Amino acid sequence: MGATGDFDEAAVQARVGANIRLRREKVGLSQGALAERAGIHRTFLNQLENGHRGCTVTVLARLAIELDTSASVLVLDIV
């Protein structure tokens, strides 16, 4: 395991956000539609997709379900 000083939280958030956006676009959902289905606010989803916010594992799981994928796909390439 690497030192926590090597951990770039902003880069992780940006990568997860990009993965969410790519999957959302692939399945043809708008931000509003995905947010409603996942039970989150559209502006929060926008912040996630733009890498400005992180989310809980629970929110990640709800997004994965609504995007018909696994949470592991949404966290690909974060390290």
PDB file of N, CA and C in Angstrom:
ATOM      1  N   MET A   1       0.834  -1.176   0.000  1.00  0.00           N
ATOM      2  CA  MET A   1       0.000   0.000   0.000  1.00  0.00           C
ATOM      3  C   MET A   1       0.879   1.239   0.000  1.00  0.00           C
ATOM      4  N   GLY A   2       0.552   2.214  -0.818  1.00  0.00           N
ATOM      5  CA  GLY A   2       1.339   3.426  -0.904  1.00  0.00           C
ATOM      6  C   GLY A   2       1.060   4.368   0.250  1.00  0.00           C
ATOM      7  N   ALA A   3       1.912   5.329   0.410  1.00  0.00           N
ATOM      8  CA  ALA A   3       1.728   6.333   1.444  1.00  0.00           C
ATOM      9  C   ALA A   3       0.552   7.225   1.096  1.00  0.00           C
ATOM     10  N   THR A   4      -0.157   7.673   2.115  1.00  0.00           N
ATOM     11  CA  THR A   4      -1.324   8.520   1.848  1.00  0.00           C
ATOM     12  C   THR A   4      -0.925   9.844   1.221  1.00  0.00           C
ATOM     13  N   GLY A   5       0.317  10.248   1.379  1.00  0.00           N
ATOM     14  CA  GLY A   5       0.784  11.471   0.745  1.00  0.00           C
ATOM     15  C   GLY A   5       0.789  11.373  -0.773  1.00  0.00           C
ATOM     16  N   ASP A   6       0.802  10.148  -1.302  1.00  0.00           N
ATOM     17  CA  ASP A   6       0.797   9.925  -2.743  1.00  0.00           C
ATOM     18  C   ASP A   6      -0.612   9.920  -3.330  1.00  0.00           C
ATOM     19  N   PHE A   7      -1.617   9.984  -2.474  1.00  0.00           N
ATOM     20  CA  PHE A   7      -3.010   9.872  -2.907  1.00  0.00           C
ATOM     21  C   PHE A   7      -3.516  11.215  -3.410  1.00  0.00           C
ATOM     22  N   ASP A   8      -4.011  11.254  -4.627  1.00  0.00           N
ATOM     23  CA  ASP A   8      -4.524  12.488  -5.229  1.00  0.00           C
ATOM     24  C   ASP A   8      -6.045  12.406  -5.304  1.00  0.00           C
ATOM     25  N   GLU A   9      -6.701  12.927  -4.278  1.00  0.00           N
ATOM     26  CA  GLU A   9      -8.157  12.848  -4.198  1.00  0.00           C
ATOM     27  C   GLU A   9      -8.836  13.514  -5.389  1.00  0.00           C
ATOM     28  N   ALA A  10      -8.319  14.648  -5.825  1.00  0.00           N
ATOM     29  CA  ALA A  10      -8.920  15.352  -6.958  1.00  0.00           C
ATOM     30  C   ALA A  10      -8.856  14.510  -8.228  1.00  0.00           C
ATOM     31  N   ALA A  11      -7.748  13.812  -8.427  1.00  0.00           N
ATOM     32  CA  ALA A  11      -7.613  12.962  -9.614  1.00  0.00           C
ATOM     33  C   ALA A  11      -8.586  11.794  -9.561  1.00  0.00           C
ATOM     34  N   VAL A  12      -8.778  11.232  -8.369  1.00  0.00           N
ATOM     35  CA  VAL A  12      -9.739  10.135  -8.208  1.00  0.00           C
ATOM     36  C   VAL A  12     -11.146  10.624  -8.522  1.00  0.00           C
ATOM     37  N   GLN A  13     -11.523  11.769  -7.962  1.00  0.00           N
ATOM     38  CA  GLN A  13     -12.857  12.313  -8.215  1.00  0.00           C
ATOM     39  C   GLN A  13     -13.056  12.610  -9.690  1.00  0.00           C
ATOM     40  N   ALA A  14     -12.040  13.143 -10.343  1.00  0.00           N
ATOM     41  CA  ALA A  14     -12.142  13.447 -11.773  1.00  0.00           C
ATOM     42  C   ALA A  14     -12.326  12.173 -12.592  1.00  0.00           C
ATOM     43  N   ARG A  15     -11.582  11.118 -12.262  1.00  0.00           N
ATOM     44  CA  ARG A  15     -11.677   9.862 -13.015  1.00  0.00           C
ATOM     45  C   ARG A  15     -13.035   9.200 -12.807  1.00  0.00           C
ATOM     46  N   VAL A  16     -13.495   9.136 -11.565  1.00  0.00           N
ATOM     47  CA  VAL A  16     -14.809   8.541 -11.288  1.00  0.00           C
ATOM     48  C   VAL A  16     -15.896   9.351 -11.986  1.00  0.00           C
ATOM     49  N   GLY A  17     -15.807  10.667 -11.913  1.00  0.00           N
ATOM     50  CA  GLY A  17     -16.791  11.521 -12.576  1.00  0.00           C
ATOM     51  C   GLY A  17     -16.827  11.302 -14.077  1.00  0.00           C
ATOM     52  N   ALA A  18     -15.650  11.188 -14.680  1.00  0.00           N
ATOM     53  CA  ALA A  18     -15.581  10.939 -16.122  1.00  0.00           C
ATOM     54  C   ALA A  18     -16.189   9.585 -16.464  1.00  0.00           C
ATOM     55  N   ASN A  19     -15.932   8.581 -15.626  1.00  0.00           N
ATOM     56  CA  ASN A  19     -16.504   7.252 -15.866  1.00  0.00           C
ATOM     57  C   ASN A  19     -18.027   7.276 -15.768  1.00  0.00           C
ATOM     58  N   ILE A  20     -18.550   8.012 -14.796  1.00  0.00           N
ATOM     59  CA  ILE A  20     -20.009   8.133 -14.655  1.00  0.00           C
ATOM     60  C   ILE A  20     -20.594   8.801 -15.898  1.00  0.00           C
ATOM     61  N   ARG A  21     -19.979   9.907 -16.307  1.00  0.00           N
ATOM     62  CA  ARG A  21     -20.476  10.636 -17.483  1.00  0.00           C
ATOM     63  C   ARG A  21     -20.444   9.761 -18.740  1.00  0.00           C
ATOM     64  N   LEU A  22     -19.329   9.076 -18.971  1.00  0.00           N
ATOM     65  CA  LEU A  22     -19.215   8.219 -20.157  1.00  0.00           C
ATOM     66  C   LEU A  22     -20.302   7.148 -20.169  1.00  0.00           C
ATOM     67  N   ARG A  23     -20.515   6.523 -19.028  1.00  0.00           N
ATOM     68  CA  ARG A  23     -21.534   5.467 -18.952  1.00  0.00           C
ATOM     69  C   ARG A  23     -22.930   6.053 -19.136  1.00  0.00           C
ATOM     70  N   ARG A  24     -23.190   7.216 -18.518  1.00  0.00           N
ATOM     71  CA  ARG A  24     -24.507   7.855 -18.648  1.00  0.00           C
ATOM     72  C   ARG A  24     -24.793   8.185 -20.107  1.00  0.00           C
ATOM     73  N   GLU A  25     -23.810   8.738 -20.787  1.00  0.00           N
ATOM     74  CA  GLU A  25     -23.987   9.071 -22.199  1.00  0.00           C
ATOM     75  C   GLU A  25     -24.168   7.811 -23.043  1.00  0.00           C
ATOM     76  N   LYS A  26     -23.447   6.748 -22.694  1.00  0.00           N
ATOM     77  CA  LYS A  26     -23.560   5.490 -23.443  1.00  0.00           C
ATOM     78  C   LYS A  26     -24.968   4.911 -23.357  1.00  0.00           C
ATOM     79  N   VAL A  27     -25.592   5.013 -22.188  1.00  0.00           N
ATOM     80  CA  VAL A  27     -26.943   4.459 -22.032  1.00  0.00           C
ATOM     81  C   VAL A  27     -28.028   5.468 -22.419  1.00  0.00           C
ATOM     82  N   GLY A  28     -27.627   6.685 -22.791  1.00  0.00           N
ATOM     83  CA  GLY A  28     -28.569   7.664 -23.312  1.00  0.00           C
ATOM     84  C   GLY A  28     -29.441   8.358 -22.283  1.00  0.00           C
ATOM     85  N   LEU A  29     -28.916   8.560 -21.083  1.00  0.00           N
ATOM     86  CA  LEU A  29     -29.683   9.259 -20.051  1.00  0.00           C
ATOM     87  C   LEU A  29     -29.185  10.690 -19.899  1.00  0.00           C
ATOM     88  N   SER A  30     -30.092  11.595 -19.628  1.00  0.00           N
ATOM     89  CA  SER A  30     -29.701  12.954 -19.273  1.00  0.00           C
ATOM     90  C   SER A  30     -29.261  12.961 -17.812  1.00  0.00           C
ATOM     91  N   GLN A  31     -28.584  14.023 -17.410  1.00  0.00           N
ATOM     92  CA  GLN A  31     -28.219  14.140 -16.001  1.00  0.00           C
ATOM     93  C   GLN A  31     -29.467  14.139 -15.124  1.00  0.00           C
ATOM     94  N   GLY A  32     -30.484  14.855 -15.550  1.00  0.00           N
ATOM     95  CA  GLY A  32     -31.713  14.920 -14.766  1.00  0.00           C
ATOM     96  C   GLY A  32     -32.367  13.567 -14.589  1.00  0.00           C
ATOM     97  N   ALA A  33     -32.409  12.789 -15.664  1.00  0.00           N
ATOM     98  CA  ALA A  33     -33.038  11.466 -15.597  1.00  0.00           C
ATOM     99  C   ALA A  33     -32.255  10.533 -14.683  1.00  0.00           C
ATOM    100  N   LEU A  34     -30.928  10.527 -14.814  1.00  0.00           N
ATOM    101  CA  LEU A  34     -30.120   9.661 -13.960  1.00  0.00           C
ATOM    102  C   LEU A  34     -30.222  10.090 -12.503  1.00  0.00           C
ATOM    103  N   ALA A  35     -30.145  11.382 -12.262  1.00  0.00           N
ATOM    104  CA  ALA A  35     -30.233  11.876 -10.887  1.00  0.00           C
ATOM    105  C   ALA A  35     -31.553  11.468 -10.245  1.00  0.00           C
ATOM    106  N   GLU A  36     -32.643  11.631 -10.980  1.00  0.00           N
ATOM    107  CA  GLU A  36     -33.957  11.263 -10.444  1.00  0.00           C
ATOM    108  C   GLU A  36     -34.015   9.770 -10.131  1.00  0.00           C
ATOM    109  N   ARG A  37     -33.548   8.955 -11.046  1.00  0.00           N
ATOM    110  CA  ARG A  37     -33.571   7.499 -10.841  1.00  0.00           C
ATOM    111  C   ARG A  37     -32.707   7.076  -9.659  1.00  0.00           C
ATOM    112  N   ALA A  38     -31.575   7.751  -9.476  1.00  0.00           N
ATOM    113  CA  ALA A  38     -30.643   7.386  -8.405  1.00  0.00           C
ATOM    114  C   ALA A  38     -30.988   8.049  -7.073  1.00  0.00           C
ATOM    115  N   GLY A  39     -31.955   8.962  -7.096  1.00  0.00           N
ATOM    116  CA  GLY A  39     -32.369   9.616  -5.860  1.00  0.00           C
ATOM    117  C   GLY A  39     -31.415  10.684  -5.364  1.00  0.00           C
ATOM    118  N   ILE A  40     -30.733  11.349  -6.308  1.00  0.00           N
ATOM    119  CA  ILE A  40     -29.833  12.443  -5.948  1.00  0.00           C
ATOM    120  C   ILE A  40     -30.231  13.685  -6.743  1.00  0.00           C
ATOM    121  N   HIS A  41     -29.727  14.824  -6.330  1.00  0.00           N
ATOM    122  CA  HIS A  41     -30.040  16.072  -7.031  1.00  0.00           C
ATOM    123  C   HIS A  41     -29.192  16.178  -8.300  1.00  0.00           C
ATOM    124  N   ARG A  42     -29.760  16.760  -9.341  1.00  0.00           N
ATOM    125  CA  ARG A  42     -29.042  16.892 -10.608  1.00  0.00           C
ATOM    126  C   ARG A  42     -27.756  17.701 -10.453  1.00  0.00           C
ATOM    127  N   THR A  43     -27.781  18.748  -9.641  1.00  0.00           N
ATOM    128  CA  THR A  43     -26.561  19.545  -9.477  1.00  0.00           C
ATOM    129  C   THR A  43     -25.459  18.745  -8.785  1.00  0.00           C
ATOM    130  N   PHE A  44     -25.835  17.845  -7.882  1.00  0.00           N
ATOM    131  CA  PHE A  44     -24.846  16.976  -7.246  1.00  0.00           C
ATOM    132  C   PHE A  44     -24.228  16.045  -8.290  1.00  0.00           C
ATOM    133  N   LEU A  45     -25.060  15.476  -9.152  1.00  0.00           N
ATOM    134  CA  LEU A  45     -24.548  14.617 -10.221  1.00  0.00           C
ATOM    135  C   LEU A  45     -23.613  15.405 -11.130  1.00  0.00           C
ATOM    136  N   ASN A  46     -23.976  16.632 -11.453  1.00  0.00           N
ATOM    137  CA  ASN A  46     -23.122  17.478 -12.283  1.00  0.00           C
ATOM    138  C   ASN A  46     -21.769  17.697 -11.616  1.00  0.00           C
ATOM    139  N   GLN A  47     -21.782  17.958 -10.315  1.00  0.00           N
ATOM    140  CA  GLN A  47     -20.531  18.149  -9.578  1.00  0.00           C
ATOM    141  C   GLN A  47     -19.698  16.865  -9.560  1.00  0.00           C
ATOM    142  N   LEU A  48     -20.364  15.720  -9.426  1.00  0.00           N
ATOM    143  CA  LEU A  48     -19.655  14.435  -9.481  1.00  0.00           C
ATOM    144  C   LEU A  48     -18.984  14.257 -10.835  1.00  0.00           C
ATOM    145  N   GLU A  49     -19.764  14.443 -11.891  1.00  0.00           N
ATOM    146  CA  GLU A  49     -19.239  14.226 -13.243  1.00  0.00           C
ATOM    147  C   GLU A  49     -18.092  15.170 -13.579  1.00  0.00           C
ATOM    148  N   ASN A  50     -18.098  16.352 -12.989  1.00  0.00           N
ATOM    149  CA  ASN A  50     -17.042  17.323 -13.254  1.00  0.00           C
ATOM    150  C   ASN A  50     -15.864  17.206 -12.291  1.00  0.00           C
ATOM    151  N   GLY A  51     -15.914  16.203 -11.403  1.00  0.00           N
ATOM    152  CA  GLY A  51     -14.807  15.964 -10.492  1.00  0.00           C
ATOM    153  C   GLY A  51     -14.714  16.921  -9.327  1.00  0.00           C
ATOM    154  N   HIS A  52     -15.788  17.679  -9.075  1.00  0.00           N
ATOM    155  CA  HIS A  52     -15.774  18.656  -7.988  1.00  0.00           C
ATOM    156  C   HIS A  52     -16.246  18.086  -6.659  1.00  0.00           C
ATOM    157  N   ARG A  53     -16.842  16.903  -6.682  1.00  0.00           N
ATOM    158  CA  ARG A  53     -17.356  16.260  -5.465  1.00  0.00           C
ATOM    159  C   ARG A  53     -17.054  14.778  -5.520  1.00  0.00           C
ATOM    160  N   GLY A  54     -16.979  14.192  -4.358  1.00  0.00           N
ATOM    161  CA  GLY A  54     -16.902  12.746  -4.234  1.00  0.00           C
ATOM    162  C   GLY A  54     -18.260  12.245  -3.771  1.00  0.00           C
ATOM    163  N   CYS A  55     -18.410  10.943  -3.672  1.00  0.00           N
ATOM    164  CA  CYS A  55     -19.688  10.398  -3.217  1.00  0.00           C
ATOM    165  C   CYS A  55     -19.463   9.178  -2.346  1.00  0.00           C
ATOM    166  N   THR A  56     -20.500   8.787  -1.655  1.00  0.00           N
ATOM    167  CA  THR A  56     -20.437   7.596  -0.817  1.00  0.00           C
ATOM    168  C   THR A  56     -20.524   6.348  -1.690  1.00  0.00           C
ATOM    169  N   VAL A  57     -20.169   5.235  -1.102  1.00  0.00           N
ATOM    170  CA  VAL A  57     -20.290   3.956  -1.800  1.00  0.00           C
ATOM    171  C   VAL A  57     -21.756   3.682  -2.115  1.00  0.00           C
ATOM    172  N   THR A  58     -22.647   4.095  -1.240  1.00  0.00           N
ATOM    173  CA  THR A  58     -24.081   3.889  -1.464  1.00  0.00           C
ATOM    174  C   THR A  58     -24.546   4.628  -2.710  1.00  0.00           C
ATOM    175  N   VAL A  59     -24.147   5.879  -2.859  1.00  0.00           N
ATOM    176  CA  VAL A  59     -24.519   6.651  -4.053  1.00  0.00           C
ATOM    177  C   VAL A  59     -23.882   6.028  -5.289  1.00  0.00           C
ATOM    178  N   LEU A  60     -22.637   5.619  -5.182  1.00  0.00           N
ATOM    179  CA  LEU A  60     -21.965   4.972  -6.311  1.00  0.00           C
ATOM    180  C   LEU A  60     -22.719   3.711  -6.734  1.00  0.00           C
ATOM    181  N   ALA A  61     -23.181   2.941  -5.760  1.00  0.00           N
ATOM    182  CA  ALA A  61     -23.940   1.718  -6.061  1.00  0.00           C
ATOM    183  C   ALA A  61     -25.265   2.049  -6.729  1.00  0.00           C
ATOM    184  N   ARG A  62     -25.966   3.073  -6.249  1.00  0.00           N
ATOM    185  CA  ARG A  62     -27.243   3.455  -6.877  1.00  0.00           C
ATOM    186  C   ARG A  62     -27.024   3.923  -8.306  1.00  0.00           C
ATOM    187  N   LEU A  63     -25.964   4.692  -8.536  1.00  0.00           N
ATOM    188  CA  LEU A  63     -25.654   5.130  -9.900  1.00  0.00           C
ATOM    189  C   LEU A  63     -25.348   3.930 -10.788  1.00  0.00           C
ATOM    190  N   ALA A  64     -24.557   3.010 -10.282  1.00  0.00           N
ATOM    191  CA  ALA A  64     -24.206   1.817 -11.065  1.00  0.00           C
ATOM    192  C   ALA A  64     -25.453   1.030 -11.447  1.00  0.00           C
ATOM    193  N   ILE A  65     -26.365   0.858 -10.506  1.00  0.00           N
ATOM    194  CA  ILE A  65     -27.608   0.129 -10.791  1.00  0.00           C
ATOM    195  C   ILE A  65     -28.381   0.821 -11.903  1.00  0.00           C
ATOM    196  N   GLU A  66     -28.541   2.126 -11.801  1.00  0.00           N
ATOM    197  CA  GLU A  66     -29.314   2.871 -12.801  1.00  0.00           C
ATOM    198  C   GLU A  66     -28.594   2.956 -14.144  1.00  0.00           C
ATOM    199  N   LEU A  67     -27.275   2.802 -14.126  1.00  0.00           N
ATOM    200  CA  LEU A  67     -26.497   2.811 -15.368  1.00  0.00           C
ATOM    201  C   LEU A  67     -26.287   1.406 -15.917  1.00  0.00           C
ATOM    202  N   ASP A  68     -26.918   0.426 -15.288  1.00  0.00           N
ATOM    203  CA  ASP A  68     -26.845  -0.974 -15.714  1.00  0.00           C
ATOM    204  C   ASP A  68     -25.396  -1.441 -15.842  1.00  0.00           C
ATOM    205  N   THR A  69     -24.634  -1.179 -14.788  1.00  0.00           N
ATOM    206  CA  THR A  69     -23.232  -1.587 -14.746  1.00  0.00           C
ATOM    207  C   THR A  69     -22.871  -1.912 -13.308  1.00  0.00           C
ATOM    208  N   SER A  70     -21.611  -2.174 -13.069  1.00  0.00           N
ATOM    209  CA  SER A  70     -21.157  -2.426 -11.699  1.00  0.00           C
ATOM    210  C   SER A  70     -20.394  -1.207 -11.183  1.00  0.00           C
ATOM    211  N   ALA A  71     -20.359  -1.073  -9.877  1.00  0.00           N
ATOM    212  CA  ALA A  71     -19.612   0.030  -9.277  1.00  0.00           C
ATOM    213  C   ALA A  71     -18.138  -0.047  -9.664  1.00  0.00           C
ATOM    214  N   SER A  72     -17.632  -1.256  -9.854  1.00  0.00           N
ATOM    215  CA  SER A  72     -16.215  -1.399 -10.217  1.00  0.00           C
ATOM    216  C   SER A  72     -15.912  -0.747 -11.566  1.00  0.00           C
ATOM    217  N   VAL A  73     -16.858  -0.768 -12.477  1.00  0.00           N
ATOM    218  CA  VAL A  73     -16.663  -0.102 -13.772  1.00  0.00           C
ATOM    219  C   VAL A  73     -16.539   1.406 -13.573  1.00  0.00           C
ATOM    220  N   LEU A  74     -17.297   1.939 -12.627  1.00  0.00           N
ATOM    221  CA  LEU A  74     -17.279   3.384 -12.391  1.00  0.00           C
ATOM    222  C   LEU A  74     -16.006   3.858 -11.698  1.00  0.00           C
ATOM    223  N   VAL A  75     -15.260   2.934 -11.092  1.00  0.00           N
ATOM    224  CA  VAL A  75     -14.012   3.320 -10.434  1.00  0.00           C
ATOM    225  C   VAL A  75     -12.773   2.802 -11.175  1.00  0.00           C
ATOM    226  N   LEU A  76     -12.945   2.375 -12.416  1.00  0.00           N
ATOM    227  CA  LEU A  76     -11.799   1.914 -13.211  1.00  0.00           C
ATOM    228  C   LEU A  76     -10.763   3.019 -13.360  1.00  0.00           C
ATOM    229  N   ASP A  77      -9.515   2.625 -13.337  1.00  0.00           N
ATOM    230  CA  ASP A  77      -8.383   3.519 -13.610  1.00  0.00           C
ATOM    231  C   ASP A  77      -8.206   4.641 -12.594  1.00  0.00           C
ATOM    232  N   ILE A  78      -8.597   4.405 -11.334  1.00  0.00           N
ATOM    233  CA  ILE A  78      -8.423   5.480 -10.351  1.00  0.00           C
ATOM    234  C   ILE A  78      -7.056   5.447  -9.679  1.00  0.00           C
ATOM    235  N   VAL A  79      -6.344   4.348  -9.821  1.00  0.00           N
ATOM    236  CA  VAL A  79      -4.996   4.298  -9.226  1.00  0.00           C
ATOM    237  C   VAL A  79      -4.001   3.818 -10.257  1.00  0.00           C
TER     238      VAL A  79
END
